[in-house]
């Protein structure tokens, strides 16, 4: 492996529906295709955004008591940015993890530089053929299975190994050449400093607080989801986003109405549809589905249809609700 395979892999866990509510981070520095340094910190989320949503706690098992003696993100951000330095940030859904840094910086009134990032969800879709591109499936394909999924350092280490494996399979020496080989663009999260306009995530979170709600508002949903219209995809969306260009179908109950889920998908460049066809490239499964359910047959009819299409050679990804919500910046759930 050539000397140019240098990057920093990162994974955040968040306390609640505000993307900047980081409560844990795992950092992995890679030089010349080898892991040379790792860090893992527990943190208190930014002041005012530091409640813990039971939904998030059920995923990462980090509780308020566990971070009570930890420094705030405010105090750790300079060290975190120093660890990343000029590296490209590599993450599994990198627009989420780079967005955590940006939103935590805004909530803490700390300047943040421009962050170039590369998404291993998008890369793995090109490099591997898997029924799900959630991190456990990708890590296993890369030869480094995860033992403690949703522990930040375990996930960032798995992400680093996946990036190394995909570079080796491409036969190329550098991160940028590997990205070009698989046709995946770098993402770019713009710099921010106090006085600049806040991102929508921070404005929304401030709105929740101002209205006296500590949690992101949730719409009630009916037992039988209504499909609703299929909005036109936003062609101005970031082409580096994992949903851009996907043809997506939804099945099962999500924690928000299906028409709203379709709007969020379209906003990120996906074309939604109401039924699975030979054009379908991704299926989002609600009702508490996790990718491991693929192994034990707990599937809706649409999901079974997708697996039949896969058996015939059609590439379709099955995405859990948690992964989807993370991709669209909702609830702060982790993939």
Protein backbone atom coordinates (compact mmCIF):
# COMPACT_ATOMS: atom_id res chain seq x y z
CA UNK A 1 0.00 0.00 0.00
CA UNK A 2 1.47 3.36 -1.00
CA UNK A 3 2.23 6.15 1.39
CA UNK A 4 -0.74 8.23 0.31
CA UNK A 5 -3.51 6.21 2.00
CA UNK A 6 -3.77 8.71 4.86
CA UNK A 7 -7.07 9.71 6.51
CA UNK A 8 -8.92 9.97 9.82
CA UNK A 9 -11.96 7.75 10.41
CA UNK A 10 -14.57 9.04 12.84
CA UNK A 11 -17.82 7.89 14.43
CA UNK A 12 -20.09 9.95 16.69
CA UNK A 13 -22.91 8.87 18.96
CA UNK A 14 -25.49 11.55 19.74
CA UNK A 15 -27.72 12.09 22.77
CA UNK A 16 -30.89 13.28 21.06
CA UNK A 17 -32.48 14.46 17.83
CA UNK A 18 -30.15 17.44 17.43
CA UNK A 19 -27.26 16.34 15.20
CA UNK A 20 -24.80 18.43 17.28
CA UNK A 21 -25.61 16.59 20.53
CA UNK A 22 -22.42 14.49 20.48
CA UNK A 23 -21.94 12.35 23.60
CA UNK A 24 -19.17 10.06 22.32
CA UNK A 25 -16.61 10.00 19.54
CA UNK A 26 -14.15 7.44 18.20
CA UNK A 27 -11.20 8.68 16.13
CA UNK A 28 -8.80 6.51 14.10
CA UNK A 29 -5.75 7.95 12.32
CA UNK A 30 -4.49 5.97 9.32
CA UNK A 31 -1.09 6.54 7.73
CA UNK A 32 0.15 4.59 4.69
CA UNK A 33 -2.79 2.22 5.01
CA UNK A 34 -2.10 1.37 8.67
CA UNK A 35 -3.87 2.40 11.88
CA UNK A 36 -1.34 4.45 13.87
CA UNK A 37 -3.41 6.22 16.56
CA UNK A 38 -6.86 5.98 18.13
CA UNK A 39 -8.88 8.07 20.60
CA UNK A 40 -12.29 7.62 22.22
CA UNK A 41 -14.01 10.20 24.42
CA UNK A 42 -17.26 10.50 26.28
CA UNK A 43 -18.55 14.08 26.24
CA UNK A 44 -21.43 16.14 27.54
CA UNK A 45 -23.42 17.56 24.58
CA UNK A 46 -23.53 21.36 24.18
CA UNK A 47 -25.30 23.22 26.99
CA UNK A 48 -29.03 23.48 26.31
CA UNK A 49 -28.92 20.49 23.94
CA UNK A 50 -27.82 17.89 26.48
CA UNK A 51 -30.96 15.86 27.24
CA UNK A 52 -30.75 12.14 26.42
CA UNK A 53 -33.54 10.73 24.24
CA UNK A 54 -34.46 7.15 25.27
CA UNK A 55 -34.44 6.19 21.58
CA UNK A 56 -30.77 7.15 21.28
CA UNK A 57 -29.81 5.60 24.62
CA UNK A 58 -31.40 2.30 23.50
CA UNK A 59 -28.97 2.26 20.56
CA UNK A 60 -25.64 3.30 22.11
CA UNK A 61 -26.37 2.64 25.82
CA UNK A 62 -24.73 5.91 26.91
CA UNK A 63 -26.67 7.51 29.79
CA UNK A 64 -26.47 10.99 31.36
CA UNK A 65 -24.75 9.48 34.43
CA UNK A 66 -21.95 8.14 32.23
CA UNK A 67 -21.00 11.61 30.96
CA UNK A 68 -21.60 13.55 34.18
CA UNK A 69 -17.87 13.99 34.85
CA UNK A 70 -16.91 14.31 31.17
CA UNK A 71 -15.95 17.61 29.50
CA UNK A 72 -18.44 19.28 27.19
CA UNK A 73 -18.03 19.00 23.44
CA UNK A 74 -17.16 22.71 23.70
CA UNK A 75 -13.95 21.81 25.52
CA UNK A 76 -13.06 18.82 23.29
CA UNK A 77 -13.75 20.37 19.86
CA UNK A 78 -10.32 22.03 19.47
CA UNK A 79 -8.59 18.73 20.35
CA UNK A 80 -10.89 16.84 18.00
CA UNK A 81 -10.22 19.23 15.11
CA UNK A 82 -6.50 19.04 15.86
CA UNK A 83 -6.61 15.21 15.69
CA UNK A 84 -8.28 15.36 12.25
CA UNK A 85 -6.00 18.17 11.04
CA UNK A 86 -5.95 18.48 7.24
CA UNK A 87 -7.05 14.85 6.72
CA UNK A 88 -10.10 13.83 4.77
CA UNK A 89 -12.65 12.62 7.34
CA UNK A 90 -13.84 9.09 6.51
CA UNK A 91 -17.09 7.84 8.06
CA UNK A 92 -20.00 5.51 7.44
CA UNK A 93 -22.44 8.20 6.25
CA UNK A 94 -19.85 10.95 6.47
CA UNK A 95 -22.34 13.79 5.91
CA UNK A 96 -23.78 12.88 9.35
CA UNK A 97 -20.45 12.81 11.21
CA UNK A 98 -19.11 15.98 9.57
CA UNK A 99 -22.52 17.54 10.32
CA UNK A 100 -22.13 16.64 14.01
CA UNK A 101 -18.89 18.65 14.14
CA UNK A 102 -20.43 21.61 12.35
CA UNK A 103 -23.62 21.67 14.48
CA UNK A 104 -21.75 21.14 17.76
CA UNK A 105 -19.47 24.04 16.79
CA UNK A 106 -22.49 26.27 16.10
CA UNK A 107 -24.16 25.32 19.38
CA UNK A 108 -20.89 26.01 21.22
CA UNK A 109 -20.04 29.20 19.24
CA UNK A 110 -16.67 27.75 18.23
CA UNK A 111 -15.25 28.31 14.71
CA UNK A 112 -14.81 25.22 12.55
CA UNK A 113 -12.79 24.90 9.32
CA UNK A 114 -14.07 23.42 6.08
CA UNK A 115 -14.21 19.62 6.37
CA UNK A 116 -13.64 17.34 3.37
CA UNK A 117 -15.25 13.94 3.95
CA UNK A 118 -15.63 10.59 2.21
CA UNK A 119 -18.56 8.24 2.78
CA UNK A 120 -17.94 4.50 3.17
CA UNK A 121 -21.68 3.81 2.65
CA UNK A 122 -21.36 5.13 -0.90
CA UNK A 123 -17.98 3.46 -1.47
CA UNK A 124 -19.13 0.07 -0.17
CA UNK A 125 -22.15 0.12 -2.50
CA UNK A 126 -19.68 0.28 -5.40
CA UNK A 127 -17.01 -2.06 -3.97
CA UNK A 128 -19.16 -4.82 -2.44
CA UNK A 129 -22.40 -6.67 -3.25
CA UNK A 130 -24.30 -6.96 0.05
CA UNK A 131 -28.00 -7.14 1.03
CA UNK A 132 -27.41 -4.23 3.44
CA UNK A 133 -24.65 -1.64 3.57
CA UNK A 134 -25.00 -1.06 7.30
CA UNK A 135 -21.62 -1.06 9.03
CA UNK A 136 -21.78 -4.62 10.46
CA UNK A 137 -22.27 -6.09 6.96
CA UNK A 138 -19.53 -3.90 5.46
CA UNK A 139 -17.08 -4.63 8.29
CA UNK A 140 -17.59 -8.37 7.89
CA UNK A 141 -17.02 -8.15 4.13
CA UNK A 142 -13.81 -6.19 4.81
CA UNK A 143 -12.59 -9.00 7.08
CA UNK A 144 -12.88 -7.10 10.39
CA UNK A 145 -16.27 -7.87 12.01
CA UNK A 146 -17.53 -5.47 14.70
CA UNK A 147 -17.94 -6.89 18.19
CA UNK A 148 -19.47 -3.80 19.84
CA UNK A 149 -21.57 -2.01 17.18
CA UNK A 150 -22.50 1.55 18.28
CA UNK A 151 -19.45 1.88 20.48
CA UNK A 152 -17.81 4.87 18.80
CA UNK A 153 -14.26 3.51 18.60
CA UNK A 154 -15.41 0.05 17.47
CA UNK A 155 -17.43 1.65 14.65
CA UNK A 156 -14.72 4.12 13.57
CA UNK A 157 -12.12 1.30 13.58
CA UNK A 158 -14.43 -0.88 11.45
CA UNK A 159 -14.90 2.05 9.08
CA UNK A 160 -11.11 2.53 8.83
CA UNK A 161 -10.55 -1.16 8.01
CA UNK A 162 -13.32 -1.03 5.38
CA UNK A 163 -11.67 2.00 3.75
CA UNK A 164 -8.29 0.22 3.75
CA UNK A 165 -9.85 -2.93 2.26
CA UNK A 166 -11.67 -1.04 -0.49
CA UNK A 167 -8.46 0.81 -1.39
CA UNK A 168 -6.59 -2.51 -1.57
CA UNK A 169 -9.30 -4.01 -3.80
CA UNK A 170 -9.04 -1.00 -6.11
CA UNK A 171 -5.28 -1.54 -6.43
CA UNK A 172 -4.71 2.19 -5.98
CA UNK A 173 -2.44 3.98 -3.53
CA UNK A 174 -4.33 7.06 -2.39
CA UNK A 175 -7.66 7.96 -0.88
CA UNK A 176 -8.60 10.30 -3.72
CA UNK A 177 -7.63 7.78 -6.42
CA UNK A 178 -9.71 5.14 -4.63
CA UNK A 179 -12.71 7.48 -4.48
CA UNK A 180 -12.32 8.26 -8.20
CA UNK A 181 -12.01 4.55 -9.01
CA UNK A 182 -15.39 3.84 -7.41
CA UNK A 183 -16.98 7.02 -8.78
CA UNK A 184 -17.63 8.55 -5.34
CA UNK A 185 -17.14 12.27 -4.75
CA UNK A 186 -15.74 13.85 -1.63
CA UNK A 187 -18.29 15.75 0.43
CA UNK A 188 -17.53 19.22 1.74
CA UNK A 189 -18.95 20.70 4.95
CA UNK A 190 -18.40 24.44 4.83
CA UNK A 191 -16.46 26.40 7.44
CA UNK A 192 -18.37 28.29 10.12
CA UNK A 193 -17.52 30.98 12.63
CA UNK A 194 -19.56 32.93 15.20
CA UNK A 195 -21.67 35.52 13.39
CA UNK A 196 -22.25 33.30 10.35
CA UNK A 197 -25.74 31.96 9.65
CA UNK A 198 -26.58 28.75 11.53
CA UNK A 199 -27.29 25.53 9.65
CA UNK A 200 -30.90 24.37 9.47
CA UNK A 201 -30.26 21.65 12.06
CA UNK A 202 -29.19 24.22 14.64
CA UNK A 203 -32.02 26.63 13.76
CA UNK A 204 -34.55 23.79 14.12
CA UNK A 205 -33.07 22.71 17.45
CA UNK A 206 -33.19 26.29 18.76
CA UNK A 207 -36.83 26.41 17.64
CA UNK A 208 -37.67 23.27 19.64
CA UNK A 209 -36.04 24.78 22.73
CA UNK A 210 -37.73 28.16 22.26
CA UNK A 211 -41.13 26.45 22.05
CA UNK A 212 -40.48 24.68 25.36
CA UNK A 213 -39.99 21.21 23.86
CA UNK A 214 -36.84 19.36 24.92
CA UNK A 215 -37.35 16.73 22.21
CA UNK A 216 -37.76 17.06 18.44
CA UNK A 217 -41.50 17.10 17.75
CA UNK A 218 -42.90 13.88 16.35
CA UNK A 219 -46.03 13.61 14.29
CA UNK A 220 -48.52 10.95 15.28
CA UNK A 221 -48.76 8.28 12.63
CA UNK A 222 -51.54 5.89 11.69
CA UNK A 223 -51.28 2.13 12.04
CA UNK A 224 -51.55 1.79 8.27
CA UNK A 225 -49.01 4.10 6.58
CA UNK A 226 -50.34 6.28 3.75
CA UNK A 227 -48.06 6.31 0.71
CA UNK A 228 -48.73 9.91 -0.31
CA UNK A 229 -47.25 11.49 -3.45
CA UNK A 230 -43.75 10.84 -4.76
CA UNK A 231 -42.05 14.25 -4.89
CA UNK A 232 -39.50 15.18 -7.53
CA UNK A 233 -35.90 14.68 -6.40
CA UNK A 234 -33.88 17.78 -5.55
CA UNK A 235 -31.33 17.90 -8.38
CA UNK A 236 -29.34 20.53 -6.45
CA UNK A 237 -28.71 18.08 -3.57
CA UNK A 238 -25.18 16.98 -2.69
CA UNK A 239 -24.20 14.22 -5.18
CA UNK A 240 -21.94 12.81 -2.45
CA UNK A 241 -24.91 12.03 -0.20
CA UNK A 242 -25.77 8.30 0.16
CA UNK A 243 -29.38 8.88 -0.94
CA UNK A 244 -28.59 10.92 -4.06
CA UNK A 245 -29.77 9.14 -7.21
CA UNK A 246 -31.40 6.24 -5.33
CA UNK A 247 -34.83 4.97 -6.36
CA UNK A 248 -36.40 4.34 -2.95
CA UNK A 249 -39.44 2.50 -1.64
CA UNK A 250 -40.67 2.51 1.98
CA UNK A 251 -42.28 -0.37 3.88
CA UNK A 252 -43.58 -0.74 7.45
CA UNK A 253 -44.24 1.94 10.04
CA UNK A 254 -41.66 4.68 10.44
CA UNK A 255 -41.59 7.14 13.35
CA UNK A 256 -42.86 9.81 10.95
CA UNK A 257 -45.56 9.76 8.26
CA UNK A 258 -44.45 8.15 5.03
CA UNK A 259 -45.16 11.29 2.90
CA UNK A 260 -42.79 13.22 5.19
CA UNK A 261 -40.14 10.50 4.85
CA UNK A 262 -40.50 10.75 1.07
CA UNK A 263 -40.03 14.54 1.21
CA UNK A 264 -36.83 14.09 3.23
CA UNK A 265 -35.50 11.49 0.79
CA UNK A 266 -36.32 13.70 -2.23
CA UNK A 267 -34.63 16.67 -0.58
CA UNK A 268 -31.39 14.63 -0.61
CA UNK A 269 -31.74 13.71 -4.29
CA UNK A 270 -33.64 10.40 -4.12
CA UNK A 271 -36.58 9.48 -6.35
CA UNK A 272 -39.25 7.80 -4.23
CA UNK A 273 -41.73 5.22 -5.47
CA UNK A 274 -44.72 3.41 -3.97
CA UNK A 275 -43.88 -0.14 -4.96
CA UNK A 276 -40.85 -2.31 -5.61
CA UNK A 277 -40.00 -2.69 -9.32
CA UNK A 278 -36.96 -3.62 -11.36
CA UNK A 279 -35.92 0.04 -11.11
CA UNK A 280 -35.79 0.00 -7.28
CA UNK A 281 -32.30 0.52 -5.78
CA UNK A 282 -33.13 0.91 -2.06
CA UNK A 283 -35.85 -0.19 0.37
CA UNK A 284 -36.31 1.50 3.76
CA UNK A 285 -37.86 -0.85 6.35
CA UNK A 286 -39.63 0.47 9.46
CA UNK A 287 -41.25 -1.35 12.40
CA UNK A 288 -38.02 -1.57 14.36
CA UNK A 289 -36.29 -3.58 11.62
CA UNK A 290 -32.51 -3.90 11.96
CA UNK A 291 -30.26 -5.31 9.23
CA UNK A 292 -29.64 -8.46 11.28
CA UNK A 293 -33.33 -9.31 10.68
CA UNK A 294 -32.32 -10.25 7.14
CA UNK A 295 -30.75 -13.39 8.60
CA UNK A 296 -33.83 -14.55 10.49
CA UNK A 297 -36.52 -13.80 7.93
CA UNK A 298 -38.37 -11.03 9.81
CA UNK A 299 -39.38 -9.18 6.66
CA UNK A 300 -42.32 -7.42 5.05
CA UNK A 301 -43.64 -8.51 1.64
CA UNK A 302 -41.78 -5.64 -0.05
CA UNK A 303 -38.53 -6.75 1.61
CA UNK A 304 -39.12 -10.34 0.47
CA UNK A 305 -39.70 -9.03 -3.06
CA UNK A 306 -36.38 -7.15 -2.87
CA UNK A 307 -34.52 -10.30 -1.78
CA UNK A 308 -36.06 -12.19 -4.71
CA UNK A 309 -34.87 -9.43 -7.07
CA UNK A 310 -31.39 -9.68 -5.52
CA UNK A 311 -31.35 -13.42 -6.19
CA UNK A 312 -31.94 -12.55 -9.86
CA UNK A 313 -28.93 -10.23 -9.84
CA UNK A 314 -30.60 -6.86 -9.23
CA UNK A 315 -28.68 -4.64 -6.81
CA UNK A 316 -31.08 -3.37 -4.15
CA UNK A 317 -30.04 -2.16 -0.70
CA UNK A 318 -32.19 -2.74 2.39
CA UNK A 319 -31.94 0.19 4.83
CA UNK A 320 -33.21 0.28 8.41
CA UNK A 321 -35.24 3.23 9.67
CA UNK A 322 -32.37 4.25 11.97
CA UNK A 323 -29.96 4.38 9.04
CA UNK A 324 -32.44 6.37 6.94
CA UNK A 325 -33.15 8.88 9.71
CA UNK A 326 -29.45 9.40 10.21
CA UNK A 327 -28.95 9.96 6.47
CA UNK A 328 -31.64 12.68 6.40
CA UNK A 329 -30.40 14.30 9.62
CA UNK A 330 -33.39 13.32 11.75
CA UNK A 331 -33.46 12.05 15.33
CA UNK A 332 -29.65 11.82 15.50
CA UNK A 333 -29.81 8.05 15.22
CA UNK A 334 -26.72 6.11 14.22
CA UNK A 335 -26.25 3.63 11.40
